[in-house]
Structures are given as C-alpha cells and as structure tokens.
Amino acid sequence: MQRYFALDMAATRFARNTLVASLIGLLPLLFLYVALSPGFAAQLMSGGPALGRFFRQVLTNGLPVVFVVNYLGFFLFAWAVDRNPRGRGRALVLLFDLPMRVVFFLILHAVIYTVSADWFGSFGGSRLTALRVVAPTLAQSALFQNLSGVYLYATLVSALPLYVAAIERPDRQGRLSRRFPGRTGPVLAALALFGLFAMLLTAAAKLIVRLQSV
C-alpha cells in the first residue's frame, strides 16, 4: 500500500491511484448488480432513457462517492505511516477509518442527492425530498438492494488491502494476526471490519429514518 499511497507522492499520482482502485472495486460490482437484477440488463441493452439515467447515476453519484471516500481513507493511511513508519500509527487507521467512511458516505449522498434535485430535477426537483430519501436508500444498501449498495461495497473492497496492510504490524496486534497461517489472520480481521462498516452504516441510516418519522 505504501508503494501506491504516500504523502511524498505527487498529488496527481495519488489521485490517479485512488481512481484506479475505485474503478477496480466499482466496476465488477456494477456488473454483478445488473446481472442479479431481473430484466435490468435487457432494459439497459435496449438503450434509451434508462441507459442514460444509469450512466448519469454512476458518474455523478457512484464514482464520486467511491473516489472521495477512498481518497480520504488512503490519505489517512499515508499520513499514519508517515507519522510512525514502525507501525503503531497504523492503529489510527483502524480506529478512525470506519467512522470516517460511514460519516462521509452519508454526507456525500446527501449532497449529491440535493444537487441532483437542482440540476437534473431528480426527486421531483425537491431538495427536501432528496434529503428524506437518503437514509431509507442507504438502510437497504447493505443488502445490495440498490445502486447505493454497489457503491457501499465498492468502497469496502477498495479498503480491504488498506486494512490488511494496517493490521500487519510488528507489535502485539500483528502477533495476534499471525496466529493464523500466512496472511489469513489479517484478511479475516479486514473482512470483520468490512462487515462492521456495513452494520454501522445501516444502523446510522435506520436511526435517521426513525428521527425523520418523529
């Protein structure tokens, strides 16, 4: 990870690497979502407004969200490694990366939905409606029931190598992970963080839905 994301790296290269990582995480999941949605592939292949709306949604919502969340996560990792190359600073990644991803995933969706209401007339052109549908939409994302679920898991797929690199440290946490053969320990721990992020986001979205209904 340090080879691709470091503070002494040119900003354009850092952004390019983030974009590549984001696309690697996003594109396979988009194909999977289309394949699992009955009739969706045929609808897109027929072209027309459906295909245009799909590409617009991905380009104006999905890719920006995945890119920004990944950029912040990779920057946090690069900063932690730069501050403490021996490994203790990487604990900050595991401590702050998950809440950061949850918060910015929510915020970015709210901002983009609001902008979409203004620019494209989405949600009936109503900013209030756009904000109200953010939480219910994200509450279903962990179940892969909508495109936001694709974006959610795309950010997590991109974060897995980051978590593995952060967990592989030469201190106590590293020794615990090495109780498993090879890199199995860090990978399992990273997958556990993967699941925790999905649960935290779903819980936060459901809480917002409850508050909106009060």
Protein backbone atom coordinates (compact mmCIF):
# COMPACT_ATOMS: atom_id res chain seq x y z
CA MET A 1 0.00 0.00 0.00
CA GLN A 2 2.85 2.42 0.79
CA ARG A 3 4.05 1.99 -2.79
CA TYR A 4 0.80 3.40 -4.17
CA PHE A 5 -0.26 5.83 -1.43
CA ALA A 6 2.32 8.06 0.27
CA LEU A 7 2.45 11.69 1.36
CA ASP A 8 5.59 12.39 -0.68
CA MET A 9 3.81 11.26 -3.85
CA ALA A 10 2.65 13.77 -6.45
CA ALA A 11 -1.00 14.72 -5.88
CA THR A 12 -1.95 13.75 -9.42
CA ARG A 13 -0.40 10.30 -9.00
CA PHE A 14 -2.11 9.81 -5.63
CA ALA A 15 -5.45 10.78 -7.20
CA ARG A 16 -4.82 8.53 -10.21
CA ASN A 17 -4.06 5.54 -7.98
CA THR A 18 -7.20 6.27 -5.97
CA LEU A 19 -9.26 6.43 -9.16
CA VAL A 20 -7.84 3.10 -10.37
CA ALA A 21 -8.55 1.45 -7.00
CA SER A 22 -12.07 2.90 -7.03
CA LEU A 23 -12.81 1.59 -10.52
CA ILE A 24 -11.42 -1.85 -9.65
CA GLY A 25 -13.81 -2.00 -6.72
CA LEU A 26 -16.78 -0.44 -8.51
CA LEU A 27 -16.99 -1.95 -12.00
CA PRO A 28 -17.22 -5.69 -11.09
CA LEU A 29 -19.92 -4.93 -8.53
CA LEU A 30 -21.87 -2.90 -11.06
CA PHE A 31 -21.85 -5.84 -13.48
CA LEU A 32 -22.90 -8.15 -10.64
CA TYR A 33 -25.77 -5.87 -9.61
CA VAL A 34 -27.04 -5.63 -13.19
CA ALA A 35 -26.79 -9.41 -13.61
CA LEU A 36 -28.70 -10.07 -10.37
CA SER A 37 -31.49 -7.57 -11.11
CA PRO A 38 -34.23 -9.28 -13.17
CA GLY A 39 -34.76 -7.57 -16.51
CA PHE A 40 -32.30 -4.78 -15.74
CA ALA A 41 -29.63 -5.93 -18.22
CA ALA A 42 -32.19 -6.17 -21.04
CA GLN A 43 -33.52 -2.74 -20.16
CA LEU A 44 -30.04 -1.22 -20.34
CA MET A 45 -29.15 -3.03 -23.57
CA SER A 46 -32.21 -1.54 -25.24
CA GLY A 47 -30.67 1.90 -24.71
CA GLY A 48 -32.85 4.94 -24.38
CA PRO A 49 -33.52 6.96 -21.22
CA ALA A 50 -32.89 4.03 -18.87
CA LEU A 51 -29.30 3.64 -20.04
CA GLY A 52 -28.71 7.38 -19.86
CA ARG A 53 -30.06 7.60 -16.31
CA PHE A 54 -27.95 4.62 -15.28
CA PHE A 55 -24.71 6.14 -16.57
CA ARG A 56 -25.59 9.52 -15.11
CA GLN A 57 -26.27 7.95 -11.71
CA VAL A 58 -22.96 6.08 -11.74
CA LEU A 59 -20.90 9.04 -12.98
CA THR A 60 -22.48 11.74 -10.81
CA ASN A 61 -23.20 9.69 -7.68
CA GLY A 62 -21.39 6.37 -7.56
CA LEU A 63 -17.91 7.19 -8.80
CA PRO A 64 -17.60 10.50 -6.88
CA VAL A 65 -18.71 8.85 -3.62
CA VAL A 66 -16.39 5.87 -4.00
CA PHE A 67 -13.49 8.08 -5.08
CA VAL A 68 -13.80 10.63 -2.28
CA VAL A 69 -14.31 8.04 0.47
CA ASN A 70 -11.36 6.02 -0.82
CA TYR A 71 -9.18 9.12 -1.17
CA LEU A 72 -9.80 10.07 2.45
CA GLY A 73 -9.08 6.52 3.62
CA PHE A 74 -5.87 6.23 1.60
CA PHE A 75 -4.74 9.66 2.74
CA LEU A 76 -5.33 8.69 6.37
CA PHE A 77 -3.26 5.55 5.83
CA ALA A 78 -0.43 7.50 4.15
CA TRP A 79 -0.44 10.09 6.94
CA ALA A 80 -0.38 7.42 9.66
CA VAL A 81 2.52 5.56 8.03
CA ASP A 82 4.43 8.81 7.53
CA ARG A 83 3.96 9.83 11.18
CA ASN A 84 5.00 6.44 12.55
CA PRO A 85 6.71 4.18 9.99
CA ARG A 86 7.26 1.39 12.55
CA GLY A 87 3.59 0.53 12.62
CA ARG A 88 1.93 1.99 15.72
CA GLY A 89 0.48 4.85 13.73
CA ARG A 90 -1.43 2.34 11.64
CA ALA A 91 -3.69 1.72 14.64
CA LEU A 92 -5.12 5.16 13.89
CA VAL A 93 -6.26 3.83 10.52
CA LEU A 94 -8.23 1.04 12.16
CA LEU A 95 -9.63 3.47 14.75
CA PHE A 96 -10.72 6.33 12.51
CA ASP A 97 -11.19 4.90 9.03
CA LEU A 98 -14.51 3.14 9.67
CA PRO A 99 -16.33 6.08 11.30
CA MET A 100 -14.89 8.40 8.64
CA ARG A 101 -16.26 6.20 5.86
CA VAL A 102 -19.71 5.98 7.47
CA VAL A 103 -19.96 9.75 8.02
CA PHE A 104 -18.73 10.77 4.57
CA PHE A 105 -20.76 8.09 2.80
CA LEU A 106 -23.87 9.63 4.35
CA ILE A 107 -22.81 13.24 3.78
CA LEU A 108 -21.78 12.72 0.16
CA HIS A 109 -25.06 11.01 -0.68
CA ALA A 110 -27.00 13.88 0.91
CA VAL A 111 -25.01 16.49 -1.02
CA ILE A 112 -25.21 14.65 -4.35
CA TYR A 113 -28.93 13.92 -3.99
CA THR A 114 -29.59 17.59 -3.27
CA VAL A 115 -27.51 18.71 -6.25
CA SER A 116 -29.29 16.16 -8.45
CA ALA A 117 -32.63 17.65 -7.44
CA ASP A 118 -31.41 21.07 -8.60
CA TRP A 119 -29.53 20.09 -11.75
CA PHE A 120 -31.46 17.11 -13.10
CA GLY A 121 -34.88 17.56 -11.49
CA SER A 122 -34.48 14.29 -9.59
CA PHE A 123 -36.85 13.64 -6.65
CA GLY A 124 -39.39 15.94 -8.25
CA GLY A 125 -36.88 18.77 -8.08
CA SER A 126 -37.36 18.94 -4.30
CA ARG A 127 -34.28 19.25 -2.09
CA LEU A 128 -36.30 18.22 0.96
CA THR A 129 -37.48 15.02 -0.74
CA ALA A 130 -33.91 14.32 -1.84
CA LEU A 131 -32.68 14.59 1.75
CA ARG A 132 -35.52 12.46 3.08
CA VAL A 133 -34.77 9.52 0.79
CA VAL A 134 -31.06 9.36 1.66
CA ALA A 135 -31.47 7.38 4.88
CA PRO A 136 -34.06 4.85 3.59
CA THR A 137 -31.91 4.27 0.50
CA LEU A 138 -28.74 3.69 2.50
CA ALA A 139 -30.58 1.48 5.00
CA GLN A 140 -31.14 -1.00 2.15
CA SER A 141 -27.65 -0.68 0.70
CA ALA A 142 -26.05 -3.31 2.96
CA LEU A 143 -28.47 -5.84 1.46
CA PHE A 144 -27.28 -4.94 -2.07
CA GLN A 145 -30.82 -3.89 -2.99
CA ASN A 146 -29.94 -0.71 -4.85
CA LEU A 147 -27.07 1.07 -6.55
CA SER A 148 -26.01 2.63 -3.26
CA GLY A 149 -25.28 -0.92 -2.13
CA VAL A 150 -22.90 -1.22 -5.08
CA TYR A 151 -21.14 1.97 -4.00
CA LEU A 152 -21.02 0.82 -0.38
CA TYR A 153 -19.35 -2.48 -1.17
CA ALA A 154 -17.08 -0.85 -3.75
CA THR A 155 -15.60 1.34 -1.02
CA LEU A 156 -15.18 -1.71 1.21
CA VAL A 157 -13.50 -3.80 -1.49
CA SER A 158 -11.07 -0.93 -2.04
CA ALA A 159 -10.44 -0.68 1.70
CA LEU A 160 -9.61 -4.37 2.25
CA PRO A 161 -5.95 -4.08 1.15
CA LEU A 162 -5.66 -0.98 3.34
CA TYR A 163 -6.95 -2.83 6.40
CA VAL A 164 -4.72 -5.84 5.73
CA ALA A 165 -1.70 -3.52 5.49
CA ALA A 166 -2.72 -1.70 8.67
CA ILE A 167 -3.24 -4.94 10.60
CA GLU A 168 0.10 -6.45 9.55
CA ARG A 169 2.21 -4.67 12.18
CA PRO A 170 5.24 -5.81 14.18
CA ASP A 171 3.62 -5.34 17.60
CA ARG A 172 1.02 -7.15 19.69
CA GLN A 173 -1.77 -6.82 17.17
CA GLY A 174 0.50 -8.19 14.45
CA ARG A 175 1.39 -11.22 16.59
CA LEU A 176 -2.29 -11.95 17.15
CA SER A 177 -2.95 -11.83 13.42
CA ARG A 178 -0.03 -14.20 12.79
CA ARG A 179 -1.68 -16.97 14.84
CA PHE A 180 -3.31 -17.87 11.53
CA PRO A 181 -1.25 -19.28 8.65
CA GLY A 182 0.10 -16.85 6.08
CA ARG A 183 -1.98 -13.72 5.67
CA THR A 184 -5.20 -15.43 6.75
CA GLY A 185 -5.32 -13.55 10.07
CA PRO A 186 -5.09 -10.03 8.62
CA VAL A 187 -7.52 -10.90 5.83
CA LEU A 188 -10.09 -12.30 8.29
CA ALA A 189 -9.71 -9.24 10.51
CA ALA A 190 -10.13 -6.98 7.48
CA LEU A 191 -13.30 -8.85 6.47
CA ALA A 192 -14.61 -8.39 10.01
CA LEU A 193 -14.07 -4.63 9.67
CA PHE A 194 -15.80 -4.88 6.28
CA GLY A 195 -18.90 -6.29 7.98
CA LEU A 196 -18.70 -3.79 10.83
CA PHE A 197 -18.76 -0.88 8.41
CA ALA A 198 -21.86 -2.24 6.68
CA MET A 199 -23.62 -2.71 10.02
CA LEU A 200 -22.65 0.75 11.28
CA LEU A 201 -23.88 2.45 8.13
CA THR A 202 -27.16 0.51 8.20
CA ALA A 203 -27.69 1.34 11.88
CA ALA A 204 -26.95 5.03 11.28
CA ALA A 205 -29.33 5.15 8.31
CA LYS A 206 -32.13 3.41 10.24
CA LEU A 207 -31.65 5.82 13.15
CA ILE A 208 -32.03 8.77 10.79
CA VAL A 209 -35.19 7.20 9.34
CA ARG A 210 -36.66 6.91 12.85
CA LEU A 211 -35.76 10.51 13.65
CA GLN A 212 -37.38 11.69 10.42
CA SER A 213 -40.62 9.91 11.32
CA VAL A 214 -40.86 11.54 14.75
